[in-house]
C-alpha atoms as a PDB file:
ATOM      1  CA  MET A   1      68.389  77.000  65.192  1.00  0.00           C
ATOM      2  CA  ARG A   2      69.066  74.266  67.786  1.00  0.00           C
ATOM      3  CA  ASN A   3      65.876  72.766  67.467  1.00  0.00           C
ATOM      4  CA  GLN A   4      66.549  72.653  63.667  1.00  0.00           C
ATOM      5  CA  ALA A   5      69.664  71.163  63.956  1.00  0.00           C
ATOM      6  CA  LYS A   6      68.400  68.321  66.400  1.00  0.00           C
ATOM      7  CA  SER A   7      65.688  67.603  63.877  1.00  0.00           C
ATOM      8  CA  LEU A   8      68.200  67.288  60.918  1.00  0.00           C
ATOM      9  CA  MET A   9      70.333  64.940  62.982  1.00  0.00           C
ATOM     10  CA  SER A  10      67.365  63.007  63.928  1.00  0.00           C
ATOM     11  CA  LEU A  11      66.266  62.494  60.481  1.00  0.00           C
ATOM     12  CA  GLY A  12      69.785  61.589  59.278  1.00  0.00           C
ATOM     13  CA  MET A  13      70.238  58.923  62.034  1.00  0.00           C
ATOM     14  CA  GLY A  14      66.618  57.891  61.712  1.00  0.00           C
ATOM     15  CA  GLU A  15      67.078  57.046  57.880  1.00  0.00           C
ATOM     16  CA  ILE A  16      70.288  55.223  58.291  1.00  0.00           C
ATOM     17  CA  ALA A  17      68.943  53.315  61.069  1.00  0.00           C
ATOM     18  CA  ALA A  18      65.913  52.231  59.228  1.00  0.00           C
ATOM     19  CA  GLY A  19      67.899  51.412  56.275  1.00  0.00           C
ATOM     20  CA  ILE A  20      69.933  48.843  58.770  1.00  0.00           C
ATOM     21  CA  ILE A  21      67.071  47.777  60.468  1.00  0.00           C
ATOM     22  CA  LEU A  22      65.302  46.573  57.410  1.00  0.00           C
ATOM     23  CA  GLY A  23      68.221  44.955  56.035  1.00  0.00           C
ATOM     24  CA  TRP A  24      68.569  42.956  59.241  1.00  0.00           C
ATOM     25  CA  ALA A  25      64.749  42.199  59.584  1.00  0.00           C
ATOM     26  CA  PHE A  26      64.607  41.125  56.025  1.00  0.00           C
ATOM     27  CA  PHE A  27      67.634  38.768  56.670  1.00  0.00           C
ATOM     28  CA  MET A  28      65.946  37.381  59.618  1.00  0.00           C
ATOM     29  CA  LEU A  29      62.742  36.764  57.816  1.00  0.00           C
ATOM     30  CA  GLY A  30      64.943  35.234  54.877  1.00  0.00           C
ATOM     31  CA  THR A  31      65.988  32.214  56.949  1.00  0.00           C
ATOM     32  CA  TYR A  32      62.242  31.277  57.465  1.00  0.00           C
ATOM     33  CA  TRP A  33      60.575  32.260  54.309  1.00  0.00           C
ATOM     34  CA  ASP A  34      62.132  31.272  51.130  1.00  0.00           C
ATOM     35  CA  LEU A  35      62.515  34.794  49.488  1.00  0.00           C
ATOM     36  CA  GLY A  36      64.001  35.240  46.201  1.00  0.00           C
ATOM     37  CA  PRO A  37      65.229  38.105  43.686  1.00  0.00           C
ATOM     38  CA  ALA A  38      62.074  40.216  44.121  1.00  0.00           C
ATOM     39  CA  GLY A  39      62.305  40.555  47.457  1.00  0.00           C
ATOM     40  CA  VAL A  40      66.123  41.218  47.564  1.00  0.00           C
ATOM     41  CA  SER A  41      65.825  43.644  44.660  1.00  0.00           C
ATOM     42  CA  GLY A  42      62.996  45.463  46.458  1.00  0.00           C
ATOM     43  CA  LEU A  43      65.085  45.874  49.668  1.00  0.00           C
ATOM     44  CA  SER A  44      68.217  46.843  47.986  1.00  0.00           C
ATOM     45  CA  PHE A  45      66.400  49.739  46.397  1.00  0.00           C
ATOM     46  CA  LEU A  46      64.718  50.822  49.497  1.00  0.00           C
ATOM     47  CA  VAL A  47      67.940  50.863  51.746  1.00  0.00           C
ATOM     48  CA  PHE A  48      69.943  52.558  48.946  1.00  0.00           C
ATOM     49  CA  LEU A  49      67.385  55.226  49.029  1.00  0.00           C
ATOM     50  CA  LEU A  50      67.425  55.416  52.643  1.00  0.00           C
ATOM     51  CA  MET A  51      71.081  55.600  53.045  1.00  0.00           C
ATOM     52  CA  GLN A  52      70.847  58.571  50.463  1.00  0.00           C
ATOM     53  CA  GLY A  53      68.293  60.154  52.495  1.00  0.00           C
ATOM     54  CA  GLY A  54      70.331  59.833  55.647  1.00  0.00           C
ATOM     55  CA  THR A  55      73.261  61.060  54.623  1.00  0.00           C
ATOM     56  CA  TYR A  56      71.682  63.987  52.978  1.00  0.00           C
ATOM     57  CA  TRP A  57      70.202  64.947  56.216  1.00  0.00           C
ATOM     58  CA  LEU A  58      73.576  64.472  58.255  1.00  0.00           C
ATOM     59  CA  ILE A  59      75.083  66.905  55.481  1.00  0.00           C
ATOM     60  CA  ARG A  60      72.584  69.525  55.974  1.00  0.00           C
ATOM     61  CA  TYR A  61      73.145  69.011  59.927  1.00  0.00           C
ATOM     62  CA  ARG A  62      76.849  69.442  59.199  1.00  0.00           C
ATOM     63  CA  SER A  63      76.009  72.528  56.958  1.00  0.00           C
ATOM     64  CA  LEU A  64      74.085  74.163  59.630  1.00  0.00           C
ATOM     65  CA  LYS A  65      76.331  73.424  62.561  1.00  0.00           C
ATOM     66  CA  LYS A  66      79.370  75.098  60.589  1.00  0.00           C
ATOM     67  CA  ASN A  67      77.182  77.700  59.157  1.00  0.00           C
ATOM     68  CA  THR A  68      78.353  76.798  55.789  1.00  0.00           C
ATOM     69  CA  VAL A  69      76.600  76.107  52.336  1.00  0.00           C
ATOM     70  CA  VAL A  70      76.368  72.319  50.902  1.00  0.00           C
ATOM     71  CA  HIS A  71      79.441  72.045  48.804  1.00  0.00           C
ATOM     72  CA  GLN A  72      78.785  71.882  44.866  1.00  0.00           C
ATOM     73  CA  LYS A  73      80.712  68.361  44.803  1.00  0.00           C
ATOM     74  CA  ILE A  74      78.005  67.088  47.073  1.00  0.00           C
ATOM     75  CA  ILE A  75      75.175  68.670  45.067  1.00  0.00           C
ATOM     76  CA  VAL A  76      76.710  67.105  41.844  1.00  0.00           C
ATOM     77  CA  LEU A  77      76.651  63.811  43.787  1.00  0.00           C
ATOM     78  CA  PHE A  78      72.994  64.006  44.740  1.00  0.00           C
ATOM     79  CA  ALA A  79      72.185  64.651  41.093  1.00  0.00           C
ATOM     80  CA  TRP A  80      73.968  61.929  40.125  1.00  0.00           C
ATOM     81  CA  PHE A  81      72.338  59.683  42.496  1.00  0.00           C
ATOM     82  CA  ARG A  82      68.961  60.958  41.261  1.00  0.00           C
ATOM     83  CA  LYS A  83      69.621  59.802  37.792  1.00  0.00           C
ATOM     84  CA  ILE A  84      70.785  56.272  38.967  1.00  0.00           C
ATOM     85  CA  ASN A  85      67.862  55.872  41.197  1.00  0.00           C
ATOM     86  CA  ARG A  86      65.728  56.283  38.181  1.00  0.00           C
ATOM     87  CA  LEU A  87      67.257  53.739  36.452  1.00  0.00           C
ATOM     88  CA  LEU A  88      67.461  51.557  39.265  1.00  0.00           C
ATOM     89  CA  GLY A  89      63.835  51.943  39.848  1.00  0.00           C
ATOM     90  CA  VAL A  90      63.086  50.496  36.163  1.00  0.00           C
ATOM     91  CA  VAL A  91      65.523  47.719  36.793  1.00  0.00           C
ATOM     92  CA  THR A  92      64.088  46.953  40.159  1.00  0.00           C
ATOM     93  CA  LEU A  93      60.472  46.754  38.818  1.00  0.00           C
ATOM     94  CA  ILE A  94      61.895  44.222  35.992  1.00  0.00           C
ATOM     95  CA  VAL A  95      63.596  42.296  38.260  1.00  0.00           C
ATOM     96  CA  ILE A  96      60.157  41.878  40.546  1.00  0.00           C
ATOM     97  CA  VAL A  97      58.205  41.341  37.560  1.00  0.00           C
ATOM     98  CA  CYS A  98      60.153  38.863  35.618  1.00  0.00           C
ATOM     99  CA  PHE A  99      62.174  37.102  38.209  1.00  0.00           C
ATOM    100  CA  PHE A 100      59.925  36.575  41.316  1.00  0.00           C
ATOM    101  CA  LYS A 101      60.295  33.214  42.938  1.00  0.00           C
ATOM    102  CA  ASN A 102      56.842  32.799  44.448  1.00  0.00           C
ATOM    103  CA  SER A 103      53.800  34.720  45.779  1.00  0.00           C
ATOM    104  CA  VAL A 104      55.651  35.679  49.239  1.00  0.00           C
ATOM    105  CA  ASP A 105      58.569  37.117  47.419  1.00  0.00           C
ATOM    106  CA  LEU A 106      56.439  38.971  44.604  1.00  0.00           C
ATOM    107  CA  ILE A 107      54.327  40.444  47.443  1.00  0.00           C
ATOM    108  CA  PHE A 108      57.378  41.772  49.666  1.00  0.00           C
ATOM    109  CA  GLY A 109      59.402  42.685  46.663  1.00  0.00           C
ATOM    110  CA  THR A 110      56.245  44.830  45.412  1.00  0.00           C
ATOM    111  CA  LEU A 111      55.576  46.237  48.745  1.00  0.00           C
ATOM    112  CA  LEU A 112      59.360  47.234  49.324  1.00  0.00           C
ATOM    113  CA  TYR A 113      59.280  48.849  45.730  1.00  0.00           C
ATOM    114  CA  LEU A 114      56.526  50.955  46.519  1.00  0.00           C
ATOM    115  CA  PHE A 115      57.994  51.963  49.811  1.00  0.00           C
ATOM    116  CA  ALA A 116      61.206  52.801  47.944  1.00  0.00           C
ATOM    117  CA  LEU A 117      59.167  54.910  45.047  1.00  0.00           C
ATOM    118  CA  LEU A 118      57.633  57.057  47.920  1.00  0.00           C
ATOM    119  CA  GLU A 119      61.312  57.402  49.557  1.00  0.00           C
ATOM    120  CA  TYR A 120      62.549  58.572  46.236  1.00  0.00           C
ATOM    121  CA  VAL A 121      59.497  60.947  45.760  1.00  0.00           C
ATOM    122  CA  ASN A 122      60.053  62.375  49.546  1.00  0.00           C
ATOM    123  CA  TYR A 123      63.602  62.962  48.857  1.00  0.00           C
ATOM    124  CA  TYR A 124      64.239  64.011  45.371  1.00  0.00           C
ATOM    125  CA  GLU A 125      60.645  65.543  44.039  1.00  0.00           C
ATOM    126  CA  PHE A 126      58.237  66.542  46.489  1.00  0.00           C
ATOM    127  CA  ARG A 127      57.835  66.376  50.411  1.00  0.00           C
ATOM    128  CA  LEU A 128      55.443  64.160  51.567  1.00  0.00           C
ATOM    129  CA  SER A 129      55.534  64.435  55.407  1.00  0.00           C
ATOM    130  CA  TYR A 130      53.876  67.264  56.886  1.00  0.00           C
ATOM    131  CA  GLY A 131      52.729  68.073  60.524  1.00  0.00           C
ATOM    132  CA  VAL A 132      54.327  66.613  63.412  1.00  0.00           C
ATOM    133  CA  SER A 133      52.671  63.091  62.857  1.00  0.00           C
ATOM    134  CA  GLY A 134      54.447  62.936  59.361  1.00  0.00           C
ATOM    135  CA  PHE A 135      51.910  62.016  56.514  1.00  0.00           C
ATOM    136  CA  ASN A 136      48.800  64.385  57.237  1.00  0.00           C
ATOM    137  CA  VAL A 137      46.341  64.341  54.591  1.00  0.00           C
ATOM    138  CA  PHE A 138      44.613  67.441  55.710  1.00  0.00           C
ATOM    139  CA  GLU A 139      48.086  69.487  55.721  1.00  0.00           C
ATOM    140  CA  LEU A 140      48.798  67.997  52.356  1.00  0.00           C
ATOM    141  CA  ARG A 141      45.098  69.302  50.971  1.00  0.00           C
ATOM    142  CA  ARG A 142      45.430  72.616  52.781  1.00  0.00           C
ATOM    143  CA  HIS A 143      48.892  73.249  51.692  1.00  0.00           C
ATOM    144  CA  GLY A 144      49.593  71.379  48.648  1.00  0.00           C
ATOM    145  CA  LEU A 145      52.681  69.633  47.589  1.00  0.00           C
ATOM    146  CA  LYS A 146      56.080  71.406  48.023  1.00  0.00           C
ATOM    147  CA  ARG A 147      59.322  70.744  46.350  1.00  0.00           C
ATOM    148  CA  SER A 148      61.495  68.604  48.937  1.00  0.00           C
ATOM    149  CA  SER A 149      64.414  70.224  50.601  1.00  0.00           C
ATOM    150  CA  LEU A 150      66.880  68.425  48.304  1.00  0.00           C
ATOM    151  CA  ASN A 151      64.927  69.059  45.236  1.00  0.00           C
ATOM    152  CA  ARG A 152      64.996  72.759  46.144  1.00  0.00           C
ATOM    153  CA  LEU A 153      68.760  72.421  46.626  1.00  0.00           C
ATOM    154  CA  LEU A 154      69.444  70.941  43.335  1.00  0.00           C
ATOM    155  CA  ARG A 155      67.219  73.425  41.404  1.00  0.00           C
ATOM    156  CA  SER A 156      69.047  76.301  43.229  1.00  0.00           C
ATOM    157  CA  ARG A 157      72.385  74.975  42.201  1.00  0.00           C
ATOM    158  CA  ARG A 158      71.601  74.078  38.517  1.00  0.00           C
ATOM    159  CA  GLY A 159      69.935  77.442  37.852  1.00  0.00           C
ATOM    160  CA  LEU A 160      66.530  75.518  36.959  1.00  0.00           C
END
């Protein structure tokens, strides 16, 4: 249980730190490159998802440490986030495709959007990281896709 708690804390803090660092790095790059709406919308979507992931892992850490279940209000909040993320994903794609400023903006916006989509799938649909090294194709092929922890939590509480 101690290792699991340590892993949950590490996941939570890592996701939040990644969001903060990406935001800072993007701001610094923006002072050198003329990035526009595509990059900003891709980054915003990604950071929004990273903060949700970090928050989820910290909530799981707290529930493990206190030996309690995740409160129903938190589950409802994440179910709401799931719906909002789908809407934001469509809106972000439209902004990237229709309002990019230049090719650098389009490339950055698209890459950040794709990373955000992977994060969405990893949090809300299927677990994409397997093994110690993270994404491992051999482990994925051997075991197949498994529902993510948050997906299982949302399904168990809603009776799906």
